[in-house]
Amino acid sequence: MPSVNQNQTILGQSIALHGEISGKEDLLVEGQLEGTVNLPDHCVTVGAHGEVKAEVHARQVIVLGALTGNITAREKVEIRKTGQVVGDLVAAAVAIEDGAYFKGSIDIQREQNQDAARPSTKSGALKASV
């Protein structure tokens, strides 16, 4: 379970929210969220009970529950073994644990001064063994 810090908003299991979220703190979603999430300097965590249908823009995204929508993370996207993601990922790093479900494409963003010789996009559905 992700650690809870002082600068974190928690959307509880009994909460259903439709709309746009933006702010200057981390977000933990254990309930239902539909819309857009724009927290470019913070972490968005979809808890084990969380169900998110949204476009997500954040520094880091961690998924333990279900997320349907495209994710753009400045640093990293992590899909834990209980996580399910359907959508495209754009991030500097992506980690998918064994047992996680992912369907979509991955675009690894590299800084321009690094070697860009490797292909950057992979597509498909996988029951992670990566």
N, C-alpha and C. Protein backbone atom coordinates (compact mmCIF):
# COMPACT_ATOMS: atom_id res chain seq x y z
N MET A 1 0.84 -1.19 0.00
CA MET A 1 0.00 0.00 0.00
C MET A 1 0.88 1.24 0.00
N PRO A 2 0.58 2.23 -0.81
CA PRO A 2 1.37 3.44 -0.82
C PRO A 2 1.28 4.17 0.51
N SER A 3 2.36 4.85 0.86
CA SER A 3 2.36 5.58 2.12
C SER A 3 1.55 6.87 1.98
N VAL A 4 0.91 7.26 3.06
CA VAL A 4 0.11 8.48 3.07
C VAL A 4 0.99 9.59 3.64
N ASN A 5 1.02 10.74 2.97
CA ASN A 5 1.79 11.86 3.50
C ASN A 5 0.86 13.03 3.79
N GLN A 6 1.40 14.06 4.40
CA GLN A 6 0.60 15.21 4.81
C GLN A 6 0.01 15.97 3.63
N ASN A 7 0.71 15.99 2.52
CA ASN A 7 0.27 16.75 1.37
C ASN A 7 -0.41 15.86 0.34
N GLN A 8 -1.35 15.05 0.80
CA GLN A 8 -2.03 14.11 -0.07
C GLN A 8 -3.53 14.20 0.16
N THR A 9 -4.28 14.27 -0.94
CA THR A 9 -5.73 14.23 -0.87
C THR A 9 -6.17 12.79 -1.12
N ILE A 10 -7.12 12.31 -0.33
CA ILE A 10 -7.62 10.94 -0.49
C ILE A 10 -9.07 11.00 -0.91
N LEU A 11 -9.36 10.35 -2.02
CA LEU A 11 -10.73 10.20 -2.51
C LEU A 11 -11.18 8.81 -2.02
N GLY A 12 -12.01 8.77 -0.98
CA GLY A 12 -12.37 7.53 -0.31
C GLY A 12 -13.21 6.58 -1.15
N GLN A 13 -13.33 5.34 -0.67
CA GLN A 13 -14.04 4.27 -1.38
C GLN A 13 -15.49 4.61 -1.66
N SER A 14 -16.14 5.37 -0.81
CA SER A 14 -17.56 5.66 -1.00
C SER A 14 -17.80 6.91 -1.85
N ILE A 15 -16.73 7.53 -2.35
CA ILE A 15 -16.85 8.76 -3.13
C ILE A 15 -16.80 8.47 -4.63
N ALA A 16 -17.73 9.11 -5.37
CA ALA A 16 -17.72 9.07 -6.83
C ALA A 16 -17.64 10.52 -7.30
N LEU A 17 -16.65 10.82 -8.12
CA LEU A 17 -16.42 12.18 -8.57
C LEU A 17 -16.34 12.23 -10.08
N HIS A 18 -17.06 13.19 -10.68
CA HIS A 18 -17.03 13.41 -12.12
C HIS A 18 -16.56 14.84 -12.34
N GLY A 19 -15.49 15.02 -13.13
CA GLY A 19 -15.03 16.37 -13.40
C GLY A 19 -13.53 16.44 -13.56
N GLU A 20 -13.00 17.63 -13.33
CA GLU A 20 -11.58 17.89 -13.50
C GLU A 20 -10.93 18.14 -12.15
N ILE A 21 -9.78 17.49 -11.93
CA ILE A 21 -9.02 17.70 -10.70
C ILE A 21 -7.68 18.31 -11.07
N SER A 22 -7.34 19.41 -10.39
CA SER A 22 -6.01 20.00 -10.52
C SER A 22 -5.62 20.51 -9.15
N GLY A 23 -4.33 20.61 -8.90
CA GLY A 23 -3.90 21.07 -7.59
C GLY A 23 -2.42 20.97 -7.41
N LYS A 24 -2.00 21.12 -6.16
CA LYS A 24 -0.58 21.14 -5.83
C LYS A 24 -0.27 20.16 -4.70
N GLU A 25 -0.85 18.96 -4.79
CA GLU A 25 -0.53 17.91 -3.82
C GLU A 25 -0.81 16.56 -4.46
N ASP A 26 -0.33 15.51 -3.81
CA ASP A 26 -0.53 14.15 -4.30
C ASP A 26 -1.99 13.76 -4.15
N LEU A 27 -2.41 12.76 -4.93
CA LEU A 27 -3.80 12.30 -4.90
C LEU A 27 -3.83 10.78 -4.81
N LEU A 28 -4.61 10.25 -3.87
CA LEU A 28 -4.87 8.82 -3.74
C LEU A 28 -6.35 8.60 -4.01
N VAL A 29 -6.66 7.78 -5.01
CA VAL A 29 -8.04 7.52 -5.39
C VAL A 29 -8.40 6.09 -4.97
N GLU A 30 -9.31 5.96 -4.03
CA GLU A 30 -9.84 4.65 -3.62
C GLU A 30 -11.29 4.50 -4.06
N GLY A 31 -11.89 5.58 -4.51
CA GLY A 31 -13.27 5.56 -4.98
C GLY A 31 -13.33 5.56 -6.50
N GLN A 32 -14.36 6.21 -7.04
CA GLN A 32 -14.56 6.29 -8.48
C GLN A 32 -14.31 7.71 -8.94
N LEU A 33 -13.55 7.83 -10.03
CA LEU A 33 -13.22 9.14 -10.58
C LEU A 33 -13.36 9.08 -12.10
N GLU A 34 -14.09 10.04 -12.65
CA GLU A 34 -14.25 10.12 -14.10
C GLU A 34 -14.02 11.56 -14.53
N GLY A 35 -13.14 11.77 -15.52
CA GLY A 35 -12.87 13.12 -16.00
C GLY A 35 -11.43 13.30 -16.38
N THR A 36 -10.79 14.35 -15.84
CA THR A 36 -9.38 14.61 -16.09
C THR A 36 -8.66 14.93 -14.78
N VAL A 37 -7.41 14.51 -14.72
CA VAL A 37 -6.57 14.78 -13.56
C VAL A 37 -5.32 15.49 -14.06
N ASN A 38 -5.05 16.67 -13.54
CA ASN A 38 -3.89 17.45 -13.96
C ASN A 38 -3.09 17.86 -12.72
N LEU A 39 -2.12 17.04 -12.36
CA LEU A 39 -1.23 17.29 -11.22
C LEU A 39 0.21 17.10 -11.69
N PRO A 40 0.71 17.98 -12.55
CA PRO A 40 2.00 17.75 -13.23
C PRO A 40 3.21 17.65 -12.33
N ASP A 41 3.15 18.18 -11.12
CA ASP A 41 4.30 18.12 -10.21
C ASP A 41 4.08 17.16 -9.05
N HIS A 42 3.06 16.30 -9.16
CA HIS A 42 2.71 15.44 -8.03
C HIS A 42 2.40 14.01 -8.47
N CYS A 43 2.19 13.15 -7.48
CA CYS A 43 1.94 11.73 -7.71
C CYS A 43 0.44 11.43 -7.63
N VAL A 44 -0.04 10.66 -8.59
CA VAL A 44 -1.43 10.18 -8.57
C VAL A 44 -1.37 8.67 -8.35
N THR A 45 -2.05 8.21 -7.30
CA THR A 45 -2.10 6.78 -7.00
C THR A 45 -3.54 6.32 -7.10
N VAL A 46 -3.77 5.28 -7.89
CA VAL A 46 -5.08 4.63 -7.95
C VAL A 46 -4.97 3.44 -7.01
N GLY A 47 -5.65 3.53 -5.87
CA GLY A 47 -5.58 2.48 -4.85
C GLY A 47 -6.22 1.19 -5.33
N ALA A 48 -6.07 0.15 -4.54
CA ALA A 48 -6.56 -1.18 -4.89
C ALA A 48 -8.05 -1.20 -5.18
N HIS A 49 -8.83 -0.31 -4.54
CA HIS A 49 -10.28 -0.25 -4.76
C HIS A 49 -10.67 0.85 -5.74
N GLY A 50 -9.70 1.60 -6.22
CA GLY A 50 -9.97 2.74 -7.10
C GLY A 50 -10.37 2.32 -8.51
N GLU A 51 -11.31 3.09 -9.08
CA GLU A 51 -11.75 2.91 -10.46
C GLU A 51 -11.71 4.28 -11.12
N VAL A 52 -10.78 4.47 -12.03
CA VAL A 52 -10.58 5.76 -12.67
C VAL A 52 -10.80 5.64 -14.17
N LYS A 53 -11.63 6.54 -14.69
CA LYS A 53 -11.81 6.69 -16.13
C LYS A 53 -11.45 8.13 -16.43
N ALA A 54 -10.18 8.36 -16.77
CA ALA A 54 -9.72 9.74 -16.89
C ALA A 54 -8.44 9.83 -17.70
N GLU A 55 -8.20 11.00 -18.22
CA GLU A 55 -6.92 11.39 -18.79
C GLU A 55 -6.11 11.90 -17.61
N VAL A 56 -4.92 11.35 -17.40
CA VAL A 56 -4.12 11.69 -16.22
C VAL A 56 -2.78 12.30 -16.66
N HIS A 57 -2.48 13.48 -16.11
CA HIS A 57 -1.19 14.14 -16.31
C HIS A 57 -0.59 14.37 -14.93
N ALA A 58 0.57 13.75 -14.66
CA ALA A 58 1.19 13.87 -13.34
C ALA A 58 2.70 13.67 -13.44
N ARG A 59 3.37 13.91 -12.33
CA ARG A 59 4.81 13.62 -12.27
C ARG A 59 5.02 12.12 -12.24
N GLN A 60 4.20 11.42 -11.43
CA GLN A 60 4.29 9.97 -11.29
C GLN A 60 2.89 9.42 -11.13
N VAL A 61 2.64 8.24 -11.70
CA VAL A 61 1.34 7.58 -11.57
C VAL A 61 1.59 6.14 -11.13
N ILE A 62 0.88 5.74 -10.06
CA ILE A 62 0.97 4.38 -9.54
C ILE A 62 -0.43 3.79 -9.58
N VAL A 63 -0.58 2.59 -10.19
CA VAL A 63 -1.90 1.99 -10.34
C VAL A 63 -1.93 0.63 -9.65
N LEU A 64 -2.79 0.53 -8.63
CA LEU A 64 -3.05 -0.73 -7.95
C LEU A 64 -4.46 -1.22 -8.27
N GLY A 65 -5.34 -0.33 -8.69
CA GLY A 65 -6.73 -0.64 -9.05
C GLY A 65 -6.90 -0.62 -10.55
N ALA A 66 -7.97 0.03 -11.04
CA ALA A 66 -8.30 0.05 -12.46
C ALA A 66 -8.27 1.47 -13.00
N LEU A 67 -7.59 1.65 -14.12
CA LEU A 67 -7.54 2.95 -14.76
C LEU A 67 -7.76 2.77 -16.26
N THR A 68 -8.77 3.47 -16.78
CA THR A 68 -9.03 3.49 -18.21
C THR A 68 -8.82 4.92 -18.68
N GLY A 69 -7.87 5.10 -19.57
CA GLY A 69 -7.56 6.43 -20.08
C GLY A 69 -6.07 6.57 -20.32
N ASN A 70 -5.70 7.62 -21.00
CA ASN A 70 -4.30 7.86 -21.31
C ASN A 70 -3.59 8.49 -20.12
N ILE A 71 -2.33 8.09 -19.93
CA ILE A 71 -1.52 8.59 -18.82
C ILE A 71 -0.28 9.26 -19.39
N THR A 72 -0.03 10.48 -18.93
CA THR A 72 1.21 11.17 -19.24
C THR A 72 1.89 11.48 -17.92
N ALA A 73 3.08 10.90 -17.71
CA ALA A 73 3.82 11.10 -16.46
C ALA A 73 5.20 11.65 -16.79
N ARG A 74 5.58 12.72 -16.13
CA ARG A 74 6.89 13.31 -16.38
C ARG A 74 8.01 12.37 -15.97
N GLU A 75 7.80 11.60 -14.88
CA GLU A 75 8.85 10.71 -14.41
C GLU A 75 8.54 9.23 -14.68
N LYS A 76 7.49 8.69 -14.03
CA LYS A 76 7.31 7.24 -14.09
C LYS A 76 5.86 6.82 -13.96
N VAL A 77 5.51 5.73 -14.65
CA VAL A 77 4.22 5.06 -14.48
C VAL A 77 4.52 3.68 -13.93
N GLU A 78 3.87 3.32 -12.82
CA GLU A 78 4.01 1.98 -12.23
C GLU A 78 2.65 1.31 -12.23
N ILE A 79 2.59 0.11 -12.80
CA ILE A 79 1.37 -0.69 -12.74
C ILE A 79 1.70 -1.89 -11.86
N ARG A 80 1.12 -1.91 -10.67
CA ARG A 80 1.40 -2.97 -9.71
C ARG A 80 0.63 -4.24 -10.08
N LYS A 81 0.93 -5.35 -9.42
CA LYS A 81 0.37 -6.65 -9.82
C LYS A 81 -1.15 -6.70 -9.78
N THR A 82 -1.79 -5.88 -8.95
CA THR A 82 -3.25 -5.86 -8.90
C THR A 82 -3.84 -4.82 -9.86
N GLY A 83 -2.98 -4.08 -10.54
CA GLY A 83 -3.42 -2.99 -11.39
C GLY A 83 -3.89 -3.42 -12.77
N GLN A 84 -4.82 -2.63 -13.32
CA GLN A 84 -5.34 -2.83 -14.67
C GLN A 84 -5.36 -1.48 -15.36
N VAL A 85 -4.66 -1.37 -16.49
CA VAL A 85 -4.63 -0.12 -17.24
C VAL A 85 -4.99 -0.41 -18.69
N VAL A 86 -5.96 0.35 -19.19
CA VAL A 86 -6.31 0.31 -20.60
C VAL A 86 -6.15 1.74 -21.11
N GLY A 87 -5.13 1.98 -21.91
CA GLY A 87 -4.86 3.32 -22.41
C GLY A 87 -3.39 3.45 -22.77
N ASP A 88 -3.04 4.56 -23.35
CA ASP A 88 -1.67 4.80 -23.78
C ASP A 88 -0.87 5.47 -22.68
N LEU A 89 0.42 5.08 -22.57
CA LEU A 89 1.32 5.62 -21.56
C LEU A 89 2.40 6.45 -22.23
N VAL A 90 2.67 7.64 -21.71
CA VAL A 90 3.79 8.46 -22.13
C VAL A 90 4.53 8.83 -20.85
N ALA A 91 5.79 8.38 -20.73
CA ALA A 91 6.54 8.64 -19.50
C ALA A 91 8.03 8.44 -19.75
N ALA A 92 8.85 8.91 -18.81
CA ALA A 92 10.29 8.70 -18.88
C ALA A 92 10.64 7.26 -18.50
N ALA A 93 9.81 6.62 -17.66
CA ALA A 93 10.04 5.25 -17.24
C ALA A 93 8.69 4.57 -16.99
N VAL A 94 8.62 3.27 -17.27
CA VAL A 94 7.41 2.49 -17.05
C VAL A 94 7.80 1.18 -16.37
N ALA A 95 7.07 0.81 -15.31
CA ALA A 95 7.29 -0.46 -14.61
C ALA A 95 5.95 -1.19 -14.53
N ILE A 96 5.95 -2.45 -15.00
CA ILE A 96 4.73 -3.27 -14.96
C ILE A 96 5.07 -4.55 -14.23
N GLU A 97 4.44 -4.76 -13.06
CA GLU A 97 4.72 -5.95 -12.26
C GLU A 97 4.06 -7.19 -12.86
N ASP A 98 4.62 -8.37 -12.55
CA ASP A 98 4.00 -9.63 -12.94
C ASP A 98 2.58 -9.69 -12.42
N GLY A 99 1.65 -10.10 -13.26
CA GLY A 99 0.26 -10.22 -12.86
C GLY A 99 -0.57 -9.00 -13.21
N ALA A 100 0.06 -7.88 -13.50
CA ALA A 100 -0.67 -6.66 -13.87
C ALA A 100 -1.25 -6.83 -15.27
N TYR A 101 -2.31 -6.06 -15.57
CA TYR A 101 -2.91 -6.08 -16.90
C TYR A 101 -2.70 -4.72 -17.54
N PHE A 102 -2.21 -4.73 -18.78
CA PHE A 102 -2.01 -3.49 -19.53
C PHE A 102 -2.40 -3.71 -20.98
N LYS A 103 -3.20 -2.79 -21.52
CA LYS A 103 -3.54 -2.81 -22.94
C LYS A 103 -3.41 -1.39 -23.45
N GLY A 104 -2.51 -1.17 -24.40
CA GLY A 104 -2.29 0.15 -24.95
C GLY A 104 -0.89 0.26 -25.52
N SER A 105 -0.43 1.47 -25.70
CA SER A 105 0.92 1.68 -26.21
C SER A 105 1.76 2.39 -25.16
N ILE A 106 3.07 2.22 -25.29
CA ILE A 106 4.01 2.85 -24.37
C ILE A 106 4.96 3.71 -25.19
N ASP A 107 5.09 4.97 -24.79
CA ASP A 107 6.04 5.88 -25.42
C ASP A 107 6.99 6.36 -24.34
N ILE A 108 8.23 5.89 -24.39
CA ILE A 108 9.23 6.29 -23.41
C ILE A 108 9.85 7.60 -23.87
N GLN A 109 9.72 8.63 -23.05
CA GLN A 109 10.25 9.95 -23.38
C GLN A 109 11.68 10.06 -22.86
N ARG A 110 12.61 10.35 -23.75
CA ARG A 110 14.01 10.52 -23.38
C ARG A 110 14.39 11.98 -23.52
N GLU A 111 15.36 12.41 -22.73
CA GLU A 111 15.89 13.75 -22.92
C GLU A 111 16.61 13.79 -24.25
N GLN A 112 16.62 14.92 -24.91
CA GLN A 112 17.18 15.04 -26.24
C GLN A 112 18.67 14.75 -26.30
N ASN A 113 19.40 14.94 -25.21
CA ASN A 113 20.84 14.72 -25.24
C ASN A 113 21.21 13.25 -25.04
N GLN A 114 20.25 12.38 -24.75
CA GLN A 114 20.54 10.97 -24.58
C GLN A 114 20.41 10.25 -25.91
N ASP A 115 20.98 9.06 -25.98
CA ASP A 115 20.95 8.26 -27.20
C ASP A 115 19.51 7.89 -27.54
N ALA A 116 19.07 8.26 -28.72
CA ALA A 116 17.69 8.00 -29.16
C ALA A 116 17.65 6.86 -30.17
N ALA A 117 18.63 5.98 -30.15
CA ALA A 117 18.71 4.92 -31.15
C ALA A 117 17.70 3.80 -30.93
N ARG A 118 17.19 3.66 -29.69
CA ARG A 118 16.25 2.58 -29.40
C ARG A 118 14.84 2.95 -29.83
N PRO A 119 14.04 1.95 -30.27
CA PRO A 119 12.64 2.25 -30.57
C PRO A 119 11.91 2.67 -29.29
N SER A 120 10.94 3.57 -29.43
CA SER A 120 10.32 4.13 -28.23
C SER A 120 8.88 3.70 -28.01
N THR A 121 8.27 2.97 -28.94
CA THR A 121 6.86 2.64 -28.78
C THR A 121 6.65 1.14 -28.90
N LYS A 122 5.85 0.62 -27.97
CA LYS A 122 5.43 -0.79 -28.02
C LYS A 122 3.92 -0.79 -27.86
N SER A 123 3.25 -1.69 -28.56
CA SER A 123 1.80 -1.77 -28.46
C SER A 123 1.40 -3.20 -28.13
N GLY A 124 0.19 -3.32 -27.60
CA GLY A 124 -0.35 -4.65 -27.40
C GLY A 124 -1.00 -4.81 -26.05
N ALA A 125 -1.54 -5.99 -25.84
CA ALA A 125 -2.15 -6.33 -24.57
C ALA A 125 -1.23 -7.34 -23.91
N LEU A 126 -1.05 -7.24 -22.62
CA LEU A 126 -0.23 -8.23 -21.95
C LEU A 126 -0.73 -8.46 -20.55
N LYS A 127 -0.63 -9.71 -20.16
CA LYS A 127 -0.82 -10.10 -18.77
C LYS A 127 0.61 -10.18 -18.27
N ALA A 128 1.10 -9.15 -17.66
CA ALA A 128 2.51 -8.83 -17.50
C ALA A 128 3.36 -9.99 -17.05
N SER A 129 4.40 -10.21 -17.79
CA SER A 129 5.52 -11.06 -17.45
C SER A 129 6.77 -10.31 -17.82
N VAL A 130 6.74 -9.02 -17.57
CA VAL A 130 7.85 -8.17 -17.96
C VAL A 130 8.71 -7.84 -16.78
